[in-house]
Amino acid sequence: MKNNGKNSFTVINDEGKEITCDVLFTFDSDETKKSYIVYTDNTKDKEGNIQVYASIFNPESEDVTELLPIETEKEWKVIETILESLQEEIKNGNTGDSSSNN
């Protein structure tokens, strides 16, 4: 994986093709004691929704390292809860953009 800047990185898929992924957000979980990255390659699923992925990563590392798979149901539940919360905020217009509150 290569870091292309703060908000994107490039991975090489199983077919050897470079794919640029955009980082949506990162977070640390007090519950699991791990750091997670949520990102997209901007492809769409059959319903037209943008595909979103999540992995474990090490924010302490100076080098961009391999993303690790999320393996437990508990970890997926933490990520799903955060994604649902963000979707609800967006739906309600609470995107954190203070300029819209003026």
C-alpha atoms as a PDB file:
ATOM      1  CA  MET A   1       0.000   0.000   0.000  1.00  0.00           C
ATOM      2  CA  LYS A   2       1.310   3.467  -0.893  1.00  0.00           C
ATOM      3  CA  ASN A   3       0.180   6.644   0.801  1.00  0.00           C
ATOM      4  CA  ASN A   4      -0.763   9.266  -1.814  1.00  0.00           C
ATOM      5  CA  GLY A   5      -1.256  12.000   0.728  1.00  0.00           C
ATOM      6  CA  LYS A   6      -3.352  12.456   3.784  1.00  0.00           C
ATOM      7  CA  ASN A   7      -6.708  11.465   2.299  1.00  0.00           C
ATOM      8  CA  SER A   8      -5.946   8.702  -0.193  1.00  0.00           C
ATOM      9  CA  PHE A   9      -3.749   5.678  -0.769  1.00  0.00           C
ATOM     10  CA  THR A  10      -3.097   3.169  -3.514  1.00  0.00           C
ATOM     11  CA  VAL A  11      -3.451  -0.592  -3.236  1.00  0.00           C
ATOM     12  CA  ILE A  12      -2.705  -3.294  -5.756  1.00  0.00           C
ATOM     13  CA  ASN A  13      -5.547  -5.745  -6.232  1.00  0.00           C
ATOM     14  CA  ASP A  14      -5.285  -9.484  -6.916  1.00  0.00           C
ATOM     15  CA  GLU A  15      -4.989  -8.792 -10.658  1.00  0.00           C
ATOM     16  CA  GLY A  16      -1.984  -6.441 -10.196  1.00  0.00           C
ATOM     17  CA  LYS A  17      -4.017  -3.299 -10.931  1.00  0.00           C
ATOM     18  CA  GLU A  18      -3.402  -0.148  -8.861  1.00  0.00           C
ATOM     19  CA  ILE A  19      -6.543   1.172  -7.196  1.00  0.00           C
ATOM     20  CA  THR A  20      -6.737   4.547  -5.469  1.00  0.00           C
ATOM     21  CA  CYS A  21      -8.807   4.569  -2.299  1.00  0.00           C
ATOM     22  CA  ASP A  22     -10.120   7.643  -0.504  1.00  0.00           C
ATOM     23  CA  VAL A  23      -9.990   7.691   3.289  1.00  0.00           C
ATOM     24  CA  LEU A  24     -13.413   8.559   4.691  1.00  0.00           C
ATOM     25  CA  PHE A  25     -12.321   8.634   8.333  1.00  0.00           C
ATOM     26  CA  THR A  26     -10.218   6.920  10.967  1.00  0.00           C
ATOM     27  CA  PHE A  27     -11.035   6.270  14.592  1.00  0.00           C
ATOM     28  CA  ASP A  28      -9.786   4.535  17.718  1.00  0.00           C
ATOM     29  CA  SER A  29     -12.067   2.236  19.665  1.00  0.00           C
ATOM     30  CA  ASP A  30     -11.832   2.244  23.453  1.00  0.00           C
ATOM     31  CA  GLU A  31     -13.844  -0.971  23.380  1.00  0.00           C
ATOM     32  CA  THR A  32     -11.468  -2.981  21.174  1.00  0.00           C
ATOM     33  CA  LYS A  33      -8.271  -0.949  21.815  1.00  0.00           C
ATOM     34  CA  LYS A  34      -7.581  -0.832  18.053  1.00  0.00           C
ATOM     35  CA  SER A  35      -7.455   1.831  15.338  1.00  0.00           C
ATOM     36  CA  TYR A  36      -9.654   1.570  12.268  1.00  0.00           C
ATOM     37  CA  ILE A  37      -9.686   3.152   8.825  1.00  0.00           C
ATOM     38  CA  VAL A  38     -12.862   3.430   6.750  1.00  0.00           C
ATOM     39  CA  TYR A  39     -12.312   4.004   3.047  1.00  0.00           C
ATOM     40  CA  THR A  40     -13.771   3.625  -0.441  1.00  0.00           C
ATOM     41  CA  ASP A  41     -12.484   2.821  -3.909  1.00  0.00           C
ATOM     42  CA  ASN A  42     -15.500   4.751  -5.274  1.00  0.00           C
ATOM     43  CA  THR A  43     -17.015   1.708  -6.973  1.00  0.00           C
ATOM     44  CA  LYS A  44     -20.734   1.055  -6.677  1.00  0.00           C
ATOM     45  CA  ASP A  45     -22.644  -2.061  -5.712  1.00  0.00           C
ATOM     46  CA  LYS A  46     -25.635  -3.480  -7.618  1.00  0.00           C
ATOM     47  CA  GLU A  47     -27.983  -1.015  -5.900  1.00  0.00           C
ATOM     48  CA  GLY A  48     -25.829   1.983  -6.875  1.00  0.00           C
ATOM     49  CA  ASN A  49     -24.413   2.556  -3.390  1.00  0.00           C
ATOM     50  CA  ILE A  50     -20.739   3.477  -3.091  1.00  0.00           C
ATOM     51  CA  GLN A  51     -18.737   0.577  -1.655  1.00  0.00           C
ATOM     52  CA  VAL A  52     -17.207   1.305   1.763  1.00  0.00           C
ATOM     53  CA  TYR A  53     -14.527  -0.814   3.417  1.00  0.00           C
ATOM     54  CA  ALA A  54     -12.973  -0.912   6.873  1.00  0.00           C
ATOM     55  CA  SER A  55      -9.693  -2.296   8.158  1.00  0.00           C
ATOM     56  CA  ILE A  56      -7.481  -2.216  11.209  1.00  0.00           C
ATOM     57  CA  PHE A  57      -4.364  -0.057  10.914  1.00  0.00           C
ATOM     58  CA  ASN A  58      -1.478   1.134  13.073  1.00  0.00           C
ATOM     59  CA  PRO A  59      -1.512   4.959  13.387  1.00  0.00           C
ATOM     60  CA  GLU A  60       1.821   4.889  15.250  1.00  0.00           C
ATOM     61  CA  SER A  61       3.724   3.539  12.263  1.00  0.00           C
ATOM     62  CA  GLU A  62       5.850   6.029  10.307  1.00  0.00           C
ATOM     63  CA  ASP A  63       5.594   3.803   7.236  1.00  0.00           C
ATOM     64  CA  VAL A  64       2.319   3.037   5.577  1.00  0.00           C
ATOM     65  CA  THR A  65       1.790  -0.583   6.429  1.00  0.00           C
ATOM     66  CA  GLU A  66      -0.542  -3.338   5.432  1.00  0.00           C
ATOM     67  CA  LEU A  67      -4.168  -2.973   6.428  1.00  0.00           C
ATOM     68  CA  LEU A  68      -5.368  -5.816   8.597  1.00  0.00           C
ATOM     69  CA  PRO A  69      -8.754  -7.498   8.219  1.00  0.00           C
ATOM     70  CA  ILE A  70     -11.495  -7.067  10.778  1.00  0.00           C
ATOM     71  CA  GLU A  71     -12.150 -10.533  12.095  1.00  0.00           C
ATOM     72  CA  THR A  72     -14.650 -10.366  14.932  1.00  0.00           C
ATOM     73  CA  GLU A  73     -18.358  -9.677  15.040  1.00  0.00           C
ATOM     74  CA  LYS A  74     -17.727  -7.270  17.946  1.00  0.00           C
ATOM     75  CA  GLU A  75     -15.425  -5.125  15.799  1.00  0.00           C
ATOM     76  CA  TRP A  76     -17.903  -5.074  12.892  1.00  0.00           C
ATOM     77  CA  LYS A  77     -20.643  -3.980  15.298  1.00  0.00           C
ATOM     78  CA  VAL A  78     -18.505  -1.036  16.502  1.00  0.00           C
ATOM     79  CA  ILE A  79     -17.912   0.064  12.894  1.00  0.00           C
ATOM     80  CA  GLU A  80     -21.548  -0.424  11.861  1.00  0.00           C
ATOM     81  CA  THR A  81     -22.704   1.680  14.814  1.00  0.00           C
ATOM     82  CA  ILE A  82     -20.395   4.539  13.821  1.00  0.00           C
ATOM     83  CA  LEU A  83     -21.443   4.340  10.150  1.00  0.00           C
ATOM     84  CA  GLU A  84     -25.134   4.341  11.093  1.00  0.00           C
ATOM     85  CA  SER A  85     -24.574   7.349  13.347  1.00  0.00           C
ATOM     86  CA  LEU A  86     -22.791   9.247  10.554  1.00  0.00           C
ATOM     87  CA  GLN A  87     -25.532   8.381   8.044  1.00  0.00           C
ATOM     88  CA  GLU A  88     -28.138   9.698  10.474  1.00  0.00           C
ATOM     89  CA  GLU A  89     -26.186  12.949  10.939  1.00  0.00           C
ATOM     90  CA  ILE A  90     -25.913  13.420   7.174  1.00  0.00           C
ATOM     91  CA  LYS A  91     -29.605  12.646   6.703  1.00  0.00           C
ATOM     92  CA  ASN A  92     -30.481  15.260   9.330  1.00  0.00           C
ATOM     93  CA  GLY A  93     -28.134  17.831   7.805  1.00  0.00           C
ATOM     94  CA  ASN A  94     -25.662  17.765  10.698  1.00  0.00           C
ATOM     95  CA  THR A  95     -22.465  17.356   8.707  1.00  0.00           C
ATOM     96  CA  GLY A  96     -20.316  19.483  10.984  1.00  0.00           C
ATOM     97  CA  ASP A  97     -20.184  22.348   8.486  1.00  0.00           C
ATOM     98  CA  SER A  98     -20.491  25.384  10.736  1.00  0.00           C
ATOM     99  CA  SER A  99     -20.958  27.739   7.778  1.00  0.00           C
ATOM    100  CA  SER A 100     -24.485  26.414   7.261  1.00  0.00           C
ATOM    101  CA  ASN A 101     -25.470  27.501  10.765  1.00  0.00           C
ATOM    102  CA  ASN A 102     -25.027  31.236  10.081  1.00  0.00           C
END
